Each structure stands twice: as C-alpha cells, then as structure tokens.
C-alpha atoms as a PDB file:
ATOM      1  CA  MET A   1     -53.743  43.256 -31.311  1.00  0.00           C
ATOM      2  CA  GLY A   2     -55.979  45.985 -31.863  1.00  0.00           C
ATOM      3  CA  TYR A   3     -56.990  48.655 -29.211  1.00  0.00           C
ATOM      4  CA  ILE A   4     -59.686  48.161 -27.129  1.00  0.00           C
ATOM      5  CA  GLY A   5     -62.135  50.867 -26.686  1.00  0.00           C
ATOM      6  CA  LEU A   6     -63.739  52.147 -23.381  1.00  0.00           C
ATOM      7  CA  PRO A   7     -67.304  50.900 -24.356  1.00  0.00           C
ATOM      8  CA  THR A   8     -65.853  46.860 -24.567  1.00  0.00           C
ATOM      9  CA  ILE A   9     -63.846  47.983 -21.758  1.00  0.00           C
ATOM     10  CA  ALA A  10     -67.022  48.821 -19.399  1.00  0.00           C
ATOM     11  CA  VAL A  11     -69.311  45.725 -20.206  1.00  0.00           C
ATOM     12  CA  ALA A  12     -65.927  43.163 -19.753  1.00  0.00           C
ATOM     13  CA  ALA A  13     -65.495  44.980 -16.680  1.00  0.00           C
ATOM     14  CA  SER A  14     -68.909  45.084 -15.666  1.00  0.00           C
ATOM     15  CA  SER A  15     -69.219  41.316 -16.319  1.00  0.00           C
ATOM     16  CA  VAL A  16     -65.903  40.311 -14.674  1.00  0.00           C
ATOM     17  CA  LEU A  17     -67.342  42.248 -11.553  1.00  0.00           C
ATOM     18  CA  GLY A  18     -70.270  40.398 -12.345  1.00  0.00           C
ATOM     19  CA  LEU A  19     -68.771  36.896 -12.065  1.00  0.00           C
ATOM     20  CA  GLY A  20     -65.661  37.573  -9.467  1.00  0.00           C
ATOM     21  CA  PHE A  21     -67.840  39.199  -7.170  1.00  0.00           C
ATOM     22  CA  ASP A  22     -67.236  36.645  -3.742  1.00  0.00           C
ATOM     23  CA  GLY A  23     -67.600  39.104  -0.936  1.00  0.00           C
ATOM     24  CA  LEU A  24     -63.761  38.964   0.258  1.00  0.00           C
ATOM     25  CA  GLY A  25     -64.492  42.061   1.963  1.00  0.00           C
ATOM     26  CA  ILE A  26     -62.195  43.604  -0.604  1.00  0.00           C
ATOM     27  CA  PRO A  27     -63.469  47.094  -2.080  1.00  0.00           C
ATOM     28  CA  VAL A  28     -64.099  47.540  -5.345  1.00  0.00           C
ATOM     29  CA  ILE A  29     -61.790  50.350  -7.463  1.00  0.00           C
ATOM     30  CA  THR A  30     -63.524  50.718 -10.660  1.00  0.00           C
ATOM     31  CA  ASN A  31     -63.866  53.981 -13.098  1.00  0.00           C
ATOM     32  CA  LYS A  32     -67.173  55.606 -13.902  1.00  0.00           C
ATOM     33  CA  GLU A  33     -67.348  54.246 -17.763  1.00  0.00           C
ATOM     34  CA  VAL A  34     -68.091  50.599 -16.164  1.00  0.00           C
ATOM     35  CA  LEU A  35     -71.621  49.771 -16.413  1.00  0.00           C
ATOM     36  CA  ASN A  36     -71.887  48.630 -12.459  1.00  0.00           C
ATOM     37  CA  SER A  37     -70.388  51.828 -11.440  1.00  0.00           C
ATOM     38  CA  ALA A  38     -73.260  53.183  -9.981  1.00  0.00           C
ATOM     39  CA  PHE A  39     -73.822  49.627  -7.803  1.00  0.00           C
ATOM     40  CA  ILE A  40     -70.609  50.049  -6.626  1.00  0.00           C
ATOM     41  CA  GLU A  41     -71.551  53.623  -5.451  1.00  0.00           C
ATOM     42  CA  LYS A  42     -75.206  52.853  -4.685  1.00  0.00           C
ATOM     43  CA  MET A  43     -73.882  49.956  -2.249  1.00  0.00           C
ATOM     44  CA  LYS A  44     -71.036  51.384  -0.817  1.00  0.00           C
ATOM     45  CA  ILE A  45     -68.680  48.554  -1.605  1.00  0.00           C
ATOM     46  CA  GLY A  46     -65.969  50.365  -3.246  1.00  0.00           C
ATOM     47  CA  TYR A  47     -64.675  53.759  -5.315  1.00  0.00           C
ATOM     48  CA  VAL A  48     -65.254  55.190  -8.579  1.00  0.00           C
ATOM     49  CA  ILE A  49     -62.223  57.374  -9.934  1.00  0.00           C
ATOM     50  CA  ASN A  50     -62.018  59.074 -13.228  1.00  0.00           C
ATOM     51  CA  TYR A  51     -60.028  56.623 -16.166  1.00  0.00           C
ATOM     52  CA  LYS A  52     -56.711  59.125 -15.933  1.00  0.00           C
ATOM     53  CA  TYR A  53     -54.842  59.622 -12.742  1.00  0.00           C
ATOM     54  CA  ASP A  54     -55.786  62.519 -11.106  1.00  0.00           C
ATOM     55  CA  SER A  55     -57.139  63.605  -7.893  1.00  0.00           C
ATOM     56  CA  SER A  56     -60.407  61.306  -7.949  1.00  0.00           C
ATOM     57  CA  TRP A  57     -57.444  58.804  -6.700  1.00  0.00           C
ATOM     58  CA  HIS A  58     -56.403  60.402  -3.573  1.00  0.00           C
ATOM     59  CA  PHE A  59     -57.599  57.893  -1.268  1.00  0.00           C
ATOM     60  CA  LEU A  60     -55.059  55.544  -2.528  1.00  0.00           C
ATOM     61  CA  ALA A  61     -52.273  57.641  -0.786  1.00  0.00           C
ATOM     62  CA  LEU A  62     -53.894  57.919   2.022  1.00  0.00           C
ATOM     63  CA  PRO A  63     -51.523  57.167   5.512  1.00  0.00           C
ATOM     64  CA  ASP A  64     -54.530  55.956   7.026  1.00  0.00           C
ATOM     65  CA  TYR A  65     -56.171  53.841   3.901  1.00  0.00           C
ATOM     66  CA  ILE A  66     -56.621  50.494   5.418  1.00  0.00           C
ATOM     67  CA  GLU A  67     -58.360  51.728   8.412  1.00  0.00           C
ATOM     68  CA  THR A  68     -60.471  53.928   5.515  1.00  0.00           C
ATOM     69  CA  VAL A  69     -61.678  51.007   3.758  1.00  0.00           C
ATOM     70  CA  LYS A  70     -62.509  48.985   6.280  1.00  0.00           C
ATOM     71  CA  PRO A  71     -66.127  49.562   6.634  1.00  0.00           C
ATOM     72  CA  ILE A  72     -66.828  49.459   3.080  1.00  0.00           C
ATOM     73  CA  GLY A  73     -64.709  45.927   2.773  1.00  0.00           C
ATOM     74  CA  LYS A  74     -67.637  44.969   5.495  1.00  0.00           C
ATOM     75  CA  ASN A  75     -70.300  46.513   2.996  1.00  0.00           C
ATOM     76  CA  ASP A  76     -69.045  44.229   0.507  1.00  0.00           C
ATOM     77  CA  ARG A  77     -68.544  40.818   2.479  1.00  0.00           C
ATOM     78  CA  ASP A  78     -72.487  41.930   4.360  1.00  0.00           C
ATOM     79  CA  LEU A  79     -73.925  42.621   0.617  1.00  0.00           C
ATOM     80  CA  TYR A  80     -72.394  38.344  -0.237  1.00  0.00           C
ATOM     81  CA  LEU A  81     -73.681  36.976   2.594  1.00  0.00           C
ATOM     82  CA  GLN A  82     -77.366  38.750   2.287  1.00  0.00           C
ATOM     83  CA  ASN A  83     -77.632  37.893  -1.694  1.00  0.00           C
ATOM     84  CA  TYR A  84     -75.115  36.462  -3.342  1.00  0.00           C
ATOM     85  CA  THR A  85     -73.929  33.106  -1.366  1.00  0.00           C
ATOM     86  CA  PHE A  86     -75.582  29.889  -2.870  1.00  0.00           C
ATOM     87  CA  PRO A  87     -78.407  28.918  -0.710  1.00  0.00           C
ATOM     88  CA  LYS A  88     -79.510  32.710  -1.125  1.00  0.00           C
ATOM     89  CA  LEU A  89     -79.218  32.057  -4.972  1.00  0.00           C
ATOM     90  CA  VAL A  90     -81.339  29.695  -5.041  1.00  0.00           C
ATOM     91  CA  GLU A  91     -84.000  30.852  -2.742  1.00  0.00           C
ATOM     92  CA  LYS A  92     -84.234  34.390  -4.300  1.00  0.00           C
ATOM     93  CA  ARG A  93     -83.577  33.346  -7.686  1.00  0.00           C
ATOM     94  CA  LEU A  94     -84.294  29.237  -8.775  1.00  0.00           C
ATOM     95  CA  LEU A  95     -87.249  28.709  -6.227  1.00  0.00           C
ATOM     96  CA  PRO A  96     -89.022  31.378  -7.764  1.00  0.00           C
ATOM     97  CA  ILE A  97     -88.360  30.117 -11.747  1.00  0.00           C
ATOM     98  CA  LEU A  98     -89.221  26.841 -10.684  1.00  0.00           C
ATOM     99  CA  ALA A  99     -92.231  27.963  -8.832  1.00  0.00           C
ATOM    100  CA  GLU A 100     -94.135  29.323 -11.812  1.00  0.00           C
END
C-alpha cells in the first residue's frame, strides 16, 4: 500500500466530515489541511490543530476538557437541527430544485 499524501487526506477527510456530520454534539478535531477546517472554525463546531503534535493540541490535556467542549458540542447539535435534518434538507435543497 502506497503513501497517501496530504492533498488526498484533505479531500477524503472533508468528505467524511460532510457525510458523517450527524450532529451528535461531539466536537470535530481536525488539522488545517482539511478543506472543511475553515467551516469548522467559522461555525465553532470543533478544533483545528496542527497535523503534527505540538502546543495546538494542549486543550486535550486540560482537566476540565469535557466542560470546555460542551458549548462546542451544543453548536454542533444546533447547526445540525437547523440545517441538516431530513425535513430541513428537503425544505432547503430538494423543494427549490423541484420548483424550477
């Protein structure tokens, strides 16, 4: 099996996030090379860290990590409920196409 370079990982990880985003309220942790990292930061649904272990990973070792991520998890869940449930997808994506 060959080496999978960062460009491949960036696209694959972005599509996994897009397909696997299910609003469970669990913060996403990804690196900045992933295409959806800007979306994750903008929507405040997770953390964007450096690919290699360094100080950007510090929050994982905080004693109150679970309490710290609860608001981020809530952002994740709220975003899902507002935009990605089946009825919302039908309303926002399918019905406009059918109306054309």
